[in-house]
Protein backbone atom coordinates (compact mmCIF):
# COMPACT_ATOMS: atom_id res chain seq x y z
CA MET A 1 108.64 50.19 94.21
CA ILE A 2 107.68 50.66 97.86
CA HIS A 3 109.72 53.89 98.04
CA VAL A 4 108.10 55.24 94.89
CA LEU A 5 104.63 54.41 96.15
CA ALA A 6 105.37 56.07 99.49
CA ALA A 7 106.60 59.24 97.75
CA VAL A 8 103.46 59.38 95.61
CA LEU A 9 101.22 58.89 98.63
CA LEU A 10 103.10 61.60 100.57
CA SER A 11 102.86 64.02 97.64
CA ASN A 12 99.13 63.39 97.30
CA ALA A 13 98.67 63.88 101.06
CA VAL A 14 100.48 67.23 101.03
CA SER A 15 98.51 68.39 97.98
CA PHE A 16 95.24 67.35 99.60
CA ALA A 17 96.13 69.09 102.87
CA LEU A 18 97.04 72.32 101.09
CA LYS A 19 93.89 72.30 98.98
CA SER A 20 91.80 71.54 102.06
CA THR A 21 93.39 74.44 103.94
CA LEU A 22 92.75 76.87 101.10
CA ALA A 23 89.16 75.62 100.77
CA LEU A 24 88.37 76.39 104.39
CA LYS A 25 86.23 79.41 104.99
CA PRO A 26 87.90 82.44 106.59
CA PRO A 27 89.13 83.13 109.15
CA LEU A 28 90.19 79.50 109.80
CA SER A 29 92.08 79.15 106.50
CA ARG A 30 93.96 82.42 107.11
CA LEU A 31 94.74 81.32 110.65
CA LEU A 32 96.27 77.99 109.51
CA LEU A 33 98.35 79.71 106.83
CA ARG A 34 99.52 82.38 109.29
CA MET A 35 100.61 79.69 111.76
CA SER A 36 102.78 78.12 109.08
CA ASN A 37 104.98 81.08 108.12
CA ILE A 38 103.49 84.59 108.18
CA ASP A 39 103.68 85.00 111.94
CA LYS A 40 107.44 84.67 111.73
CA ASN A 41 107.62 87.99 109.94
CA GLU A 42 108.10 90.92 112.30
CA LEU A 43 106.45 93.22 109.74
CA HIS A 44 103.25 91.21 109.64
CA PHE A 45 100.35 92.49 111.72
CA ASP A 46 96.90 91.36 112.71
CA TYR A 47 95.56 94.83 111.95
CA LEU A 48 97.04 97.66 109.89
CA VAL A 49 95.56 101.16 109.94
CA ILE A 50 96.33 103.67 107.18
CA GLY A 51 95.76 107.17 108.55
CA GLY A 52 96.48 108.70 111.95
CA GLY A 53 93.38 110.82 112.35
CA SER A 54 90.79 110.54 115.11
CA GLY A 55 89.13 107.47 113.59
CA GLY A 56 92.34 105.65 112.71
CA VAL A 57 93.95 106.24 116.09
CA ALA A 58 90.84 105.19 118.00
CA SER A 59 90.43 102.02 115.95
CA ALA A 60 94.11 101.08 116.27
CA ARG A 61 94.14 101.56 120.04
CA ARG A 62 90.91 99.63 120.51
CA ALA A 63 92.21 96.67 118.47
CA ALA A 64 95.49 96.71 120.40
CA GLY A 65 93.51 96.74 123.62
CA TYR A 66 91.99 93.43 122.60
CA GLY A 67 95.44 91.94 122.15
CA ALA A 68 95.93 92.36 118.39
CA LYS A 69 99.31 93.18 116.89
CA VAL A 70 98.64 96.59 115.34
CA ALA A 71 100.51 99.03 113.10
CA LEU A 72 99.52 102.50 111.96
CA VAL A 73 100.85 104.44 108.96
CA GLU A 74 100.76 108.24 108.85
CA LYS A 75 102.64 110.53 106.48
CA SER A 76 102.06 113.77 108.37
CA SER A 77 101.38 114.99 111.90
CA MET A 78 99.33 112.69 114.07
CA GLY A 79 95.76 113.67 114.77
CA GLY A 80 94.38 114.16 111.27
CA THR A 81 92.22 117.04 110.10
CA CYS A 82 90.58 117.78 113.45
CA VAL A 83 93.81 118.34 115.36
CA ASN A 84 95.94 119.93 112.65
CA VAL A 85 93.73 121.90 110.24
CA GLY A 86 90.23 121.55 111.63
CA CYS A 87 88.33 121.72 114.89
CA VAL A 88 91.20 122.43 117.26
CA PRO A 89 93.05 125.31 115.53
CA LYS A 90 89.74 126.70 114.28
CA LYS A 91 88.48 127.00 117.86
CA VAL A 92 91.65 128.88 118.84
CA MET A 93 91.08 131.36 116.02
CA PHE A 94 87.36 131.59 116.73
CA ASN A 95 88.04 132.31 120.42
CA ALA A 96 90.48 135.06 119.43
CA ALA A 97 87.80 136.58 117.18
CA THR A 98 85.25 136.35 119.99
CA ILE A 99 87.59 138.21 122.36
CA SER A 100 88.04 140.90 119.72
CA GLU A 101 84.29 141.23 119.33
CA ILE A 102 83.79 141.55 123.10
CA LEU A 103 86.48 144.21 123.40
CA ARG A 104 85.14 146.23 120.50
CA HIS A 105 81.40 145.97 121.08
CA ASP A 106 80.43 144.57 124.46
CA CYS A 107 82.89 145.88 127.04
CA LYS A 108 81.29 149.32 127.27
CA HIS A 109 78.00 147.74 128.32
CA PHE A 110 79.74 146.32 131.38
CA GLY A 111 81.45 149.53 132.44
CA PHE A 112 84.82 149.01 130.76
CA GLU A 113 86.39 151.99 129.03
CA PHE A 114 89.58 152.02 126.96
CA ASP A 115 90.96 153.52 123.79
CA GLN A 116 89.80 151.11 121.10
CA SER A 117 92.14 152.70 118.56
CA SER A 118 95.01 151.06 120.46
CA LEU A 119 93.48 147.60 120.07
CA LYS A 120 95.71 145.55 117.75
CA LEU A 121 96.03 141.87 116.99
CA ASP A 122 99.49 140.32 116.67
CA TRP A 123 98.58 137.60 114.17
CA GLY A 124 102.08 136.11 114.25
CA SER A 125 102.03 135.65 118.03
CA LEU A 126 98.56 134.11 117.87
CA LYS A 127 99.65 131.68 115.14
CA ALA A 128 102.79 130.69 117.05
CA ALA A 129 100.81 129.96 120.23
CA ARG A 130 98.18 128.03 118.27
CA ASP A 131 100.78 125.96 116.42
CA ALA A 132 102.56 125.15 119.70
CA TYR A 133 99.27 123.93 121.14
CA VAL A 134 98.65 121.71 118.11
CA THR A 135 102.19 120.32 118.30
CA ARG A 136 101.60 119.37 121.93
CA LEU A 137 98.47 117.47 120.89
CA ASN A 138 100.44 115.67 118.16
CA GLY A 139 102.79 114.42 120.85
CA ILE A 140 99.90 113.27 123.02
CA TYR A 141 98.52 111.20 120.14
CA ASP A 142 101.95 109.66 119.56
CA ARG A 143 102.28 108.74 123.23
CA MET A 144 98.78 107.27 123.40
CA LEU A 145 99.59 104.97 120.49
CA GLY A 146 102.91 104.02 122.05
CA ASN A 147 101.27 103.25 125.38
CA SER A 148 98.79 101.04 123.53
CA LYS A 149 101.68 99.15 121.87
CA VAL A 150 100.69 100.30 118.39
CA GLN A 151 103.71 100.40 116.06
CA ILE A 152 103.90 103.64 114.06
CA PHE A 153 105.32 103.87 110.53
CA ARG A 154 105.89 107.34 109.05
CA GLY A 155 105.37 107.70 105.33
CA LEU A 156 102.99 107.34 102.40
CA ALA A 157 101.14 104.03 102.23
CA SER A 158 100.19 102.29 98.98
CA PHE A 159 98.92 98.80 98.27
CA SER A 160 101.54 96.57 96.64
CA GLY A 161 99.70 93.25 96.79
CA PRO A 162 96.99 91.29 98.61
CA HIS A 163 97.19 92.16 102.30
CA GLU A 164 100.43 94.03 101.52
CA VAL A 165 101.19 97.73 101.94
CA LYS A 166 104.33 99.60 100.89
CA VAL A 167 105.32 102.55 103.07
CA THR A 168 107.52 105.18 101.41
CA GLY A 169 109.20 107.33 104.03
CA ASN A 170 110.12 110.98 103.72
CA ASP A 171 113.69 109.87 103.00
CA ASN A 172 112.35 107.63 100.18
CA THR A 173 113.13 104.44 102.10
CA GLN A 174 110.54 101.73 101.53
CA THR A 175 109.10 99.25 104.01
CA VAL A 176 106.67 96.50 103.10
CA LEU A 177 104.05 95.57 105.69
CA THR A 178 101.52 92.76 105.59
CA ALA A 179 98.37 92.36 107.63
CA ASP A 180 95.33 90.12 107.99
CA HIS A 181 93.05 93.15 108.12
CA ILE A 182 93.64 96.67 106.78
CA LEU A 183 91.65 99.79 107.59
CA ILE A 184 91.75 102.76 105.22
CA ALA A 185 91.16 105.84 107.40
CA VAL A 186 92.85 108.58 105.38
CA GLY A 187 90.05 111.13 105.64
CA GLY A 188 89.68 113.78 102.94
CA ARG A 189 90.98 117.11 101.77
CA PRO A 190 89.38 120.19 100.21
CA THR A 191 89.57 120.58 96.44
CA LEU A 192 89.58 123.71 94.33
CA PRO A 193 87.02 124.12 91.53
CA ASP A 194 88.21 123.87 87.96
CA ILE A 195 87.78 127.55 87.13
CA PRO A 196 90.15 130.28 85.93
CA GLY A 197 92.06 131.80 88.82
CA ALA A 198 91.56 128.88 91.18
CA ASP A 199 95.32 128.48 91.41
CA LEU A 200 95.46 131.87 93.16
CA CYS A 201 93.16 130.69 95.96
CA ILE A 202 93.77 128.78 99.17
CA THR A 203 91.62 126.19 100.93
CA SER A 204 90.73 126.01 104.60
CA ASP A 205 94.02 124.11 105.06
CA GLY A 206 95.89 127.12 103.71
CA PHE A 207 94.12 129.41 106.16
CA PHE A 208 96.07 127.88 109.04
CA ALA A 209 99.36 128.41 107.20
CA LEU A 210 98.88 132.19 106.84
CA ASN A 211 101.72 134.03 108.57
CA GLU A 212 100.06 137.43 108.23
CA GLN A 213 96.48 138.58 108.61
CA PRO A 214 94.94 139.37 105.20
CA LYS A 215 93.45 142.83 104.85
CA CYS A 216 90.75 141.80 102.41
CA VAL A 217 89.26 138.32 101.98
CA ALA A 218 86.58 136.75 99.79
CA VAL A 219 85.22 133.43 101.07
CA VAL A 220 83.67 131.19 98.42
CA GLY A 221 81.18 128.73 99.88
CA GLY A 222 78.48 129.09 102.52
CA GLY A 223 79.01 125.84 104.39
CA TYR A 224 79.82 125.83 108.09
CA ILE A 225 83.58 126.02 107.44
CA GLY A 226 83.22 129.03 105.15
CA VAL A 227 80.86 130.77 107.57
CA GLU A 228 83.16 130.17 110.54
CA LEU A 229 86.27 131.39 108.75
CA ALA A 230 84.43 134.44 107.44
CA GLY A 231 83.50 135.29 111.01
CA VAL A 232 87.10 134.86 112.16
CA PHE A 233 88.42 137.15 109.42
CA HIS A 234 85.77 139.76 110.21
């Protein structure tokens, strides 16, 4: 009888303790649960960032600097839009266009004379140099994260449960990560309008993939990206 009573009392105590833990307000309840078993998992993190762009990288490094265990998931090149298909490569192309404009229109005002008919742009060489510069920046971002002790996972992230993210690598291997806090910093991408012929167009992303300089271009959209690219083409 004494053994039975002791077992009942122990069961009630465990049940009460568990309910009390779950009833606690965050973050104390999460902390107690983590101390029990989650921290033993090497793939559990204090902070998980989805997206390796400027915002994601900065946030991950800052959290790691405060002592958090941090992971970052990125499916493509590190640096996001700005480094790969935005500000950085655009400035390279814009500078090339500016040099062309100076040679064609301004040099003569400063006493320079040359045969402008011989002026020719090697688009392929320009693209190769620009891409090499971007690749170097990708490596710098990788090293900065490594120096900050941020663990990088390459692949496509998708939520598979509460505080749980599945990462599908390029080789289709899957890794499940868990985290107390998750930041979605995937940025955005341009979309094509739902009109006939849209499938024959490219976006600003496609501009940086062009291996040859187009002879004739129509830019649809008068935002700052469209205006800048129109100026580069011209």
